[in-house]
Protein backbone atom coordinates (compact mmCIF):
# COMPACT_ATOMS: atom_id res chain seq x y z
CA UNK A 1 7.67 -8.34 8.81
CA UNK A 2 8.73 -5.13 9.79
CA UNK A 3 6.62 -2.85 12.18
CA UNK A 4 8.36 0.12 12.14
CA UNK A 5 7.14 2.93 9.60
CA UNK A 6 4.68 1.51 7.55
CA UNK A 7 5.28 4.28 4.68
CA UNK A 8 8.82 4.12 4.87
CA UNK A 9 8.75 -0.24 3.85
CA UNK A 10 6.18 0.24 1.60
CA UNK A 11 7.99 2.56 -0.36
CA UNK A 12 11.68 0.56 -0.07
CA UNK A 13 13.18 3.62 2.41
CA UNK A 14 11.89 6.75 0.55
CA UNK A 15 14.63 9.78 0.13
CA UNK A 16 14.46 12.39 2.05
CA UNK A 17 13.58 16.12 1.50
CA UNK A 18 14.82 19.20 2.41
CA UNK A 19 13.44 21.58 3.90
CA UNK A 20 13.51 25.24 1.42
CA UNK A 21 15.12 27.91 3.60
CA UNK A 22 12.95 30.44 4.59
CA UNK A 23 13.16 34.45 4.08
CA UNK A 24 16.77 36.16 5.61
CA UNK A 25 14.47 39.16 7.09
CA UNK A 26 14.66 37.12 10.39
CA UNK A 27 17.58 37.79 12.17
CA UNK A 28 19.26 35.63 14.40
CA UNK A 29 16.91 35.87 17.24
CA UNK A 30 14.50 35.22 15.11
CA UNK A 31 16.11 32.40 14.16
CA UNK A 32 15.51 30.72 17.43
CA UNK A 33 13.13 31.90 18.99
CA UNK A 34 11.40 29.47 15.93
CA UNK A 35 14.02 26.83 17.04
CA UNK A 36 15.21 26.85 13.61
CA UNK A 37 18.77 27.62 12.03
CA UNK A 38 19.22 31.08 10.75
CA UNK A 39 19.82 30.95 6.64
CA UNK A 40 24.13 31.43 6.71
CA UNK A 41 24.01 27.87 8.29
CA UNK A 42 21.98 26.44 6.49
CA UNK A 43 22.46 23.25 5.13
CA UNK A 44 22.22 22.59 1.18
CA UNK A 45 18.50 21.42 0.89
CA UNK A 46 18.81 17.52 0.10
CA UNK A 47 17.65 15.69 -2.45
CA UNK A 48 14.12 13.25 -2.39
CA UNK A 49 16.71 10.41 -2.81
CA UNK A 50 18.99 11.40 -0.23
CA UNK A 51 18.63 8.47 2.18
CA UNK A 52 19.50 7.95 5.71
CA UNK A 53 22.02 5.19 6.59
CA UNK A 54 19.02 3.36 8.39
CA UNK A 55 17.37 3.70 4.87
CA UNK A 56 20.07 2.36 2.26
CA UNK A 57 20.40 -0.43 4.85
CA UNK A 58 16.11 -1.62 4.33
CA UNK A 59 16.55 -0.64 0.77
CA UNK A 60 19.85 -2.78 0.66
CA UNK A 61 18.38 -6.16 2.63
CA UNK A 62 14.98 -5.57 0.65
CA UNK A 63 16.41 -5.78 -2.86
CA UNK A 64 18.98 -8.55 -1.82
CA UNK A 65 16.14 -10.44 -0.52
CA UNK A 66 13.45 -9.87 -3.19
CA UNK A 67 16.46 -10.83 -6.23
CA UNK A 68 17.28 -14.18 -4.11
CA UNK A 69 14.49 -15.81 -2.91
CA UNK A 70 11.71 -13.68 -5.01
CA UNK A 71 13.13 -13.76 -8.16
CA UNK A 72 13.64 -17.49 -8.68
CA UNK A 73 9.62 -18.24 -7.46
CA UNK A 74 8.07 -15.64 -9.47
CA UNK A 75 6.59 -17.56 -12.03
CA UNK A 76 5.73 -20.59 -9.90
CA UNK A 77 3.43 -18.52 -7.49
CA UNK A 78 1.72 -16.49 -10.64
CA UNK A 79 1.36 -20.27 -12.12
CA UNK A 80 -0.69 -21.73 -8.73
CA UNK A 81 -2.13 -18.57 -7.59
CA UNK A 82 -0.43 -19.20 -4.42
CA UNK A 83 2.35 -17.16 -2.06
CA UNK A 84 4.90 -19.32 -1.58
CA UNK A 85 5.65 -20.40 2.54
CA UNK A 86 9.92 -19.54 1.50
CA UNK A 87 8.47 -16.16 0.47
CA UNK A 88 5.96 -15.15 3.85
CA UNK A 89 8.95 -16.41 6.32
CA UNK A 90 11.53 -14.08 4.57
CA UNK A 91 9.09 -11.20 4.87
CA UNK A 92 8.46 -11.91 8.72
CA UNK A 93 13.01 -11.29 8.71
CA UNK A 94 13.36 -8.33 6.48
CA UNK A 95 10.65 -6.48 6.27
CA UNK A 96 8.91 -6.08 -3.43
CA UNK A 97 6.99 -4.06 -6.27
CA UNK A 98 10.54 -4.19 -8.62
CA UNK A 99 11.10 -8.14 -8.45
CA UNK A 100 6.92 -9.22 -8.23
CA UNK A 101 4.34 -6.62 -7.19
CA UNK A 102 1.68 -9.71 -5.66
CA UNK A 103 5.44 -9.87 -2.95
CA UNK A 104 5.07 -6.70 -2.11
CA UNK A 105 1.15 -6.34 -1.16
CA UNK A 106 1.02 -8.75 1.36
CA UNK A 107 3.83 -6.46 2.49
CA UNK A 108 1.87 -3.03 1.79
CA UNK A 109 -1.17 -4.47 3.59
CA UNK A 110 0.08 -5.92 6.53
CA UNK A 111 2.45 -2.76 7.23
CA UNK A 112 0.74 0.37 5.69
CA UNK A 113 -2.41 -0.42 6.77
CA UNK A 114 -2.97 -3.40 9.12
CA UNK A 115 0.27 -2.72 11.33
CA UNK A 116 -0.57 1.00 11.64
CA UNK A 117 -4.15 0.69 12.08
CA UNK A 118 -2.73 -0.86 15.64
CA UNK A 119 -0.36 1.60 16.16
CA UNK A 120 -2.33 5.09 15.70
CA UNK A 121 -5.52 3.53 17.26
CA UNK A 122 -5.10 0.88 19.20
CA UNK A 123 -5.44 0.45 23.32
CA UNK A 124 -2.28 -0.35 24.96
CA UNK A 125 -3.46 -3.85 25.92
CA UNK A 126 -4.49 -4.84 22.23
CA UNK A 127 -1.35 -3.64 21.00
CA UNK A 128 0.29 -5.99 23.42
CA UNK A 129 -1.21 -8.98 22.13
CA UNK A 130 -0.76 -7.95 18.77
CA UNK A 131 1.92 -6.23 17.22
CA UNK A 132 4.34 -8.70 18.27
CA UNK A 133 2.38 -11.31 16.58
CA UNK A 134 2.06 -9.15 13.61
CA UNK A 135 5.64 -8.33 13.70
CA UNK A 136 7.31 -12.00 14.08
CA UNK A 137 4.60 -14.55 12.38
CA UNK A 138 0.52 -13.41 12.43
CA UNK A 139 -0.39 -11.72 8.96
CA UNK A 140 -2.96 -9.35 9.03
CA UNK A 141 -5.86 -8.36 6.90
CA UNK A 142 -7.86 -5.52 6.23
CA UNK A 143 -12.16 -6.31 6.52
CA UNK A 144 -14.06 -3.04 4.59
CA UNK A 145 -15.24 -3.40 1.49
CA UNK A 146 -18.25 -5.46 0.45
CA UNK A 147 -20.16 -6.16 -2.37
CA UNK A 148 -22.50 -3.34 -2.11
CA UNK A 149 -19.85 -0.86 -0.78
CA UNK A 150 -16.66 -0.13 -3.04
CA UNK A 151 -16.28 3.25 -3.48
CA UNK A 152 -18.75 3.88 -1.51
CA UNK A 153 -17.00 1.99 1.59
CA UNK A 154 -19.03 3.30 3.89
CA UNK A 155 -23.30 1.75 2.70
CA UNK A 156 -21.19 -1.20 4.77
CA UNK A 157 -23.56 -4.09 6.43
CA UNK A 158 -22.46 -5.83 8.38
CA UNK A 159 -23.84 -6.03 11.81
CA UNK A 160 -22.43 -5.10 15.44
CA UNK A 161 -25.39 -6.55 17.39
CA UNK A 162 -24.47 -5.19 21.65
CA UNK A 163 -24.97 -9.29 23.53
CA UNK A 164 -25.97 -6.74 26.52
CA UNK A 165 -28.36 -3.23 24.83
CA UNK A 166 -28.32 -2.11 28.28
CA UNK A 167 -24.53 -1.87 28.66
CA UNK A 168 -22.40 1.18 27.61
CA UNK A 169 -21.36 0.39 24.33
CA UNK A 170 -17.58 -0.27 25.61
CA UNK A 171 -18.72 -3.18 27.95
CA UNK A 172 -20.78 -5.87 26.37
CA UNK A 173 -19.62 -8.06 23.43
CA UNK A 174 -20.59 -7.79 20.06
CA UNK A 175 -21.49 -10.27 17.83
CA UNK A 176 -21.05 -9.75 14.09
CA UNK A 177 -22.50 -11.31 10.86
CA UNK A 178 -21.61 -9.99 7.27
CA UNK A 179 -19.57 -11.02 4.55
CA UNK A 180 -16.29 -8.77 3.38
CA UNK A 181 -15.14 -9.36 0.07
CA UNK A 182 -12.00 -9.03 -2.11
CA UNK A 183 -10.25 -9.35 1.37
CA UNK A 184 -6.02 -8.82 0.46
CA UNK A 185 -3.93 -11.64 2.90
CA UNK A 186 -7.65 -13.56 4.31
CA UNK A 187 -5.98 -16.81 2.18
CA UNK A 188 -2.88 -16.59 4.64
CA UNK A 189 -4.43 -14.53 8.05
CA UNK A 190 -4.33 -15.38 11.54
CA UNK A 191 -5.79 -11.33 12.15
CA UNK A 192 -8.76 -9.49 10.81
CA UNK A 193 -9.20 -5.70 11.73
CA UNK A 194 -13.19 -5.67 10.57
CA UNK A 195 -15.63 -2.43 10.17
CA UNK A 196 -18.98 -3.29 10.87
CA UNK A 197 -22.21 -1.08 12.26
CA UNK A 198 -23.19 -0.88 15.89
CA UNK A 199 -26.21 0.84 14.67
CA UNK A 200 -27.22 1.38 10.99
CA UNK A 201 -29.43 4.66 12.20
CA UNK A 202 -26.63 5.99 13.03
CA UNK A 203 -25.11 6.04 9.46
CA UNK A 204 -21.60 5.55 9.38
CA UNK A 205 -20.95 7.35 12.30
CA UNK A 206 -22.28 3.76 13.52
CA UNK A 207 -19.39 2.00 11.87
CA UNK A 208 -16.75 0.35 14.52
CA UNK A 209 -13.55 -1.41 14.04
CA UNK A 210 -13.05 -4.73 15.83
CA UNK A 211 -10.19 -7.29 16.21
CA UNK A 212 -11.09 -11.09 14.98
CA UNK A 213 -9.19 -13.38 15.11
CA UNK A 214 -9.51 -16.78 12.44
CA UNK A 215 -9.97 -19.34 15.39
CA UNK A 216 -13.03 -17.32 16.90
CA UNK A 217 -16.23 -19.17 15.83
CA UNK A 218 -18.44 -18.59 13.20
CA UNK A 219 -15.06 -17.37 11.19
CA UNK A 220 -14.68 -19.00 7.67
CA UNK A 221 -12.50 -17.59 4.62
CA UNK A 222 -14.26 -18.43 1.29
CA UNK A 223 -12.35 -19.69 -2.49
CA UNK A 224 -9.54 -17.39 -3.63
CA UNK A 225 -10.75 -15.10 -6.33
CA UNK A 226 -9.41 -15.81 -10.19
CA UNK A 227 -7.72 -12.70 -10.73
CA UNK A 228 -6.60 -11.06 -13.73
CA UNK A 229 -2.93 -9.95 -11.84
CA UNK A 230 -0.75 -10.28 -8.78
CA UNK A 231 -2.57 -13.59 -7.91
CA UNK A 232 -0.26 -15.14 -5.59
CA UNK A 233 -1.37 -12.53 -3.60
CA UNK A 234 -4.92 -14.53 -1.96
CA UNK A 235 -7.62 -11.85 -2.18
CA UNK A 236 -10.94 -13.64 -0.70
CA UNK A 237 -13.92 -13.42 1.23
CA UNK A 238 -14.38 -13.50 4.22
CA UNK A 239 -17.69 -14.87 6.06
CA UNK A 240 -18.82 -13.81 9.71
CA UNK A 241 -21.57 -15.40 11.32
CA UNK A 242 -22.74 -14.80 14.51
CA UNK A 243 -18.92 -14.13 15.23
CA UNK A 244 -19.35 -13.16 19.59
CA UNK A 245 -15.99 -10.13 19.72
CA UNK A 246 -15.59 -9.18 23.23
CA UNK A 247 -15.51 -5.17 24.05
CA UNK A 248 -11.39 -5.38 24.72
CA UNK A 249 -11.17 -6.11 21.14
CA UNK A 250 -12.46 -2.90 20.09
CA UNK A 251 -10.28 -0.43 18.16
CA UNK A 252 -10.46 2.37 18.88
CA UNK A 253 -13.70 4.77 20.07
CA UNK A 254 -16.54 2.81 19.29
CA UNK A 255 -18.33 4.14 16.18
CA UNK A 256 -15.49 5.73 15.21
CA UNK A 257 -14.29 3.62 12.66
CA UNK A 258 -14.77 5.88 9.69
CA UNK A 259 -12.03 8.20 11.14
CA UNK A 260 -9.49 5.40 10.88
CA UNK A 261 -10.62 3.67 7.61
CA UNK A 262 -10.59 7.27 6.25
CA UNK A 263 -6.92 8.44 7.54
CA UNK A 264 -5.53 4.44 6.60
CA UNK A 265 -7.03 4.50 3.53
CA UNK A 266 -4.69 7.70 2.79
CA UNK A 267 -1.48 6.03 4.07
CA UNK A 268 -2.30 2.97 2.14
CA UNK A 269 -2.13 5.19 -1.91
CA UNK A 270 1.49 5.91 -0.90
CA UNK A 271 2.01 2.62 0.08
CA UNK A 272 -0.05 1.48 -3.41
CA UNK A 273 1.69 4.03 -5.56
CA UNK A 274 5.45 2.97 -4.68
CA UNK A 275 4.37 -0.18 -6.20
CA UNK A 276 3.44 0.91 -8.59
CA UNK A 277 6.39 2.67 -9.42
CA UNK A 278 8.88 -0.32 -8.43
CA UNK A 279 6.46 -2.73 -10.96
CA UNK A 280 7.50 0.35 -13.93
CA UNK A 281 10.45 0.58 -12.79
CA UNK A 282 11.46 -3.33 -12.88
CA UNK A 283 9.95 -3.84 -16.44
CA UNK A 284 12.13 -1.17 -18.01
CA UNK A 285 15.10 -3.18 -15.74
CA UNK A 286 13.86 -6.74 -17.99
CA UNK A 287 13.37 -4.37 -20.69
CA UNK A 288 16.69 -2.53 -21.69
CA UNK A 289 19.61 -5.73 -21.74
CA UNK A 290 16.52 -7.58 -24.38
CA UNK A 291 17.24 -4.61 -26.03
CA UNK A 292 20.71 -4.96 -26.70
CA UNK A 293 21.07 -8.81 -27.26
CA UNK A 294 18.18 -8.86 -30.38
CA UNK A 295 19.62 -7.38 -33.75
CA UNK A 296 17.69 -6.42 -36.23
CA UNK A 297 18.67 -4.95 -39.52
CA UNK A 298 22.27 -5.48 -38.36
CA UNK A 299 22.54 -3.18 -35.25
CA UNK A 300 20.42 -3.52 -31.43
CA UNK A 301 16.83 -2.51 -31.63
CA UNK A 302 17.54 -0.05 -28.42
CA UNK A 303 20.35 2.39 -31.26
CA UNK A 304 17.67 2.60 -33.60
CA UNK A 305 15.97 6.23 -33.14
CA UNK A 306 12.53 4.87 -32.44
CA UNK A 307 13.01 2.18 -29.52
CA UNK A 308 15.31 5.37 -27.61
CA UNK A 309 12.55 7.59 -27.22
CA UNK A 310 9.68 4.84 -26.16
CA UNK A 311 12.20 4.11 -23.35
CA UNK A 312 13.41 7.63 -22.66
CA UNK A 313 9.74 8.48 -22.34
CA UNK A 314 9.19 5.18 -19.81
CA UNK A 315 11.85 6.27 -18.05
CA UNK A 316 11.14 10.27 -17.98
CA UNK A 317 8.09 9.21 -16.36
CA UNK A 318 9.21 6.66 -13.80
CA UNK A 319 11.16 9.85 -12.82
CA UNK A 320 7.94 12.08 -11.33
CA UNK A 321 6.16 9.41 -10.54
CA UNK A 322 9.05 8.51 -8.24
CA UNK A 323 9.64 12.39 -6.84
CA UNK A 324 5.12 12.43 -6.22
CA UNK A 325 6.10 9.12 -4.18
CA UNK A 326 8.85 10.03 -2.02
CA UNK A 327 7.12 13.22 -1.59
CA UNK A 328 3.67 11.75 -0.15
CA UNK A 329 5.66 9.25 1.30
CA UNK A 330 7.91 12.30 3.35
CA UNK A 331 5.29 14.57 4.22
CA UNK A 332 3.04 11.84 5.90
CA UNK A 333 6.24 10.42 7.53
CA UNK A 334 6.60 14.06 8.80
CA UNK A 335 3.09 14.40 9.90
CA UNK A 336 1.96 17.29 7.78
CA UNK A 337 -0.79 17.54 5.44
CA UNK A 338 -0.06 14.72 2.58
CA UNK A 339 -4.25 13.76 1.23
CA UNK A 340 -4.55 15.38 -2.19
CA UNK A 341 -0.65 14.85 -2.53
CA UNK A 342 -1.06 10.77 -1.76
CA UNK A 343 -4.01 10.67 -3.88
CA UNK A 344 -1.42 12.53 -6.80
CA UNK A 345 0.92 10.19 -5.88
CA UNK A 346 -1.48 6.66 -6.64
CA UNK A 347 -2.95 8.14 -9.75
CA UNK A 348 -0.29 9.24 -11.26
CA UNK A 349 1.42 5.93 -10.38
CA UNK A 350 -0.67 3.29 -11.52
CA UNK A 351 -0.98 5.80 -14.72
CA UNK A 352 2.35 5.05 -15.33
CA UNK A 353 3.00 1.35 -14.04
CA UNK A 354 -0.04 0.35 -17.39
CA UNK A 355 1.96 2.65 -19.44
CA UNK A 356 5.46 1.06 -18.83
CA UNK A 357 4.26 -2.03 -18.89
CA UNK A 358 2.30 -2.19 -22.08
CA UNK A 359 5.32 -0.15 -23.93
CA UNK A 360 7.51 -2.89 -22.33
CA UNK A 361 5.43 -4.86 -24.16
CA UNK A 362 5.17 -4.49 -26.95
CA UNK A 363 9.46 -3.04 -26.91
CA UNK A 364 10.34 -6.71 -26.58
CA UNK A 365 8.18 -7.79 -29.25
CA UNK A 366 7.17 -11.61 -29.56
CA UNK A 367 9.67 -12.81 -26.33
CA UNK A 368 6.97 -9.82 -24.54
CA UNK A 369 3.88 -10.97 -25.54
CA UNK A 370 5.20 -15.29 -23.67
CA UNK A 371 5.71 -16.36 -20.31
CA UNK A 372 9.17 -16.82 -20.70
CA UNK A 373 9.56 -13.36 -20.19
CA UNK A 374 8.69 -11.13 -16.68
CA UNK A 375 6.75 -8.13 -19.13
CA UNK A 376 3.77 -10.01 -19.89
CA UNK A 377 3.27 -10.96 -16.04
CA UNK A 378 4.47 -6.92 -15.08
CA UNK A 379 1.25 -6.10 -17.65
CA UNK A 380 -1.38 -8.41 -15.59
CA UNK A 381 -0.54 -6.59 -12.43
CA UNK A 382 -0.46 -2.87 -12.85
CA UNK A 383 -4.54 -3.50 -14.01
CA UNK A 384 -5.04 -3.21 -10.39
CA UNK A 385 -3.30 -0.38 -9.35
CA UNK A 386 -6.44 2.23 -10.36
CA UNK A 387 -8.42 -0.17 -7.99
CA UNK A 388 -7.43 -1.21 -5.06
CA UNK A 389 -7.27 1.32 -2.27
CA UNK A 390 -8.89 3.89 -4.22
CA UNK A 391 -10.16 4.01 -7.80
CA UNK A 392 -8.73 6.54 -10.09
CA UNK A 393 -11.72 8.59 -10.63
CA UNK A 394 -12.06 8.31 -6.50
CA UNK A 395 -8.19 10.17 -6.82
CA UNK A 396 -9.20 12.79 -8.98
CA UNK A 397 -12.66 13.42 -7.10
CA UNK A 398 -9.98 13.70 -3.92
CA UNK A 399 -8.17 15.65 -5.55
CA UNK A 400 -10.38 18.08 -7.16
CA UNK A 401 -12.40 18.64 -3.99
CA UNK A 402 -9.03 19.71 -2.05
CA UNK A 403 -7.85 21.68 -4.80
CA UNK A 404 -11.74 23.62 -4.83
CA UNK A 405 -11.04 24.10 -0.59
CA UNK A 406 -8.24 26.01 -1.39
CA UNK A 407 -8.84 28.23 -3.96
CA UNK A 408 -12.74 29.03 -2.45
CA UNK A 409 -10.29 30.54 0.31
């Protein structure tokens, strides 16, 4: 699995947005001092749909892999609730929601969450030990949620007890105990990023991130959840029973795990927005050819005005979600503020995925309701977009807080 900018992978190489030209009131020397190009020589702004050469390569190779390798296995993986080893090994070679959202979330968690946490916050030692493995063969999981801490993530109860209380926080091993719930990739994972509290009296300021290996004594993975959708993606509890983690496996600063979780989940929302966008596009792509195969009342059903209105509306909704997702991803990659845009993108893309998938089932009629056609799976897979990596209500709360702060200034 490619260990490059996670958001680019999750969004399948999002397009570059051009910067608006600044005021012409500045003279040429002023522009030079600002390290900008004077307006008269500024090129036309690039569309959000513009791709760099490297992004085109990522997009094209990902599409080929999805069509040639994933698509023939989608139904089997869904029925068996198992990710094919062929698909998993191929992800490490390439880097895919338009074909199967269950596969795309495996890639999203690996890149947007796990690899990015290592890349941004881990020590050089941890990066050297884990990033090569995560880029070539090891699957990672992000272990934050618990039975009593979903949206209220910082209410987690998993404890990390120092083995030597007299030692400095970074100089002692910790014993981890607790149960993490609904952990994506847990069935295949070799590496777990576990968030645990070293001192509950400190509240969220005691939360620390630890790197836990699957083969450490006391680590066990529970049975897979039986889910409505994205069934090929494993979702399991991870149980920690007095798991001793050495100090060199503390990721980031002691007591700053909450900051890591908040920041990385903001990026993750762009990835989930991209997943939902791909799902909606995949549903429409699967529907349109059928509308020009089936005839009723002597004409293709795709030429009926009411049907045209429905798929035109679906295309409009998809295009709007695409612009939101791509914009949030570009802002994130540039290091610009993007939290509000990421929340908006995830919220709207998840709504569009549900709306479009539902409408596509209806447009296909009886065949859309059967498992012989991919639409019922897209419909089942769409629901998770409003739930994981921040529910829709959490996205609305985030958007509202940022808007309120902007207008109160």
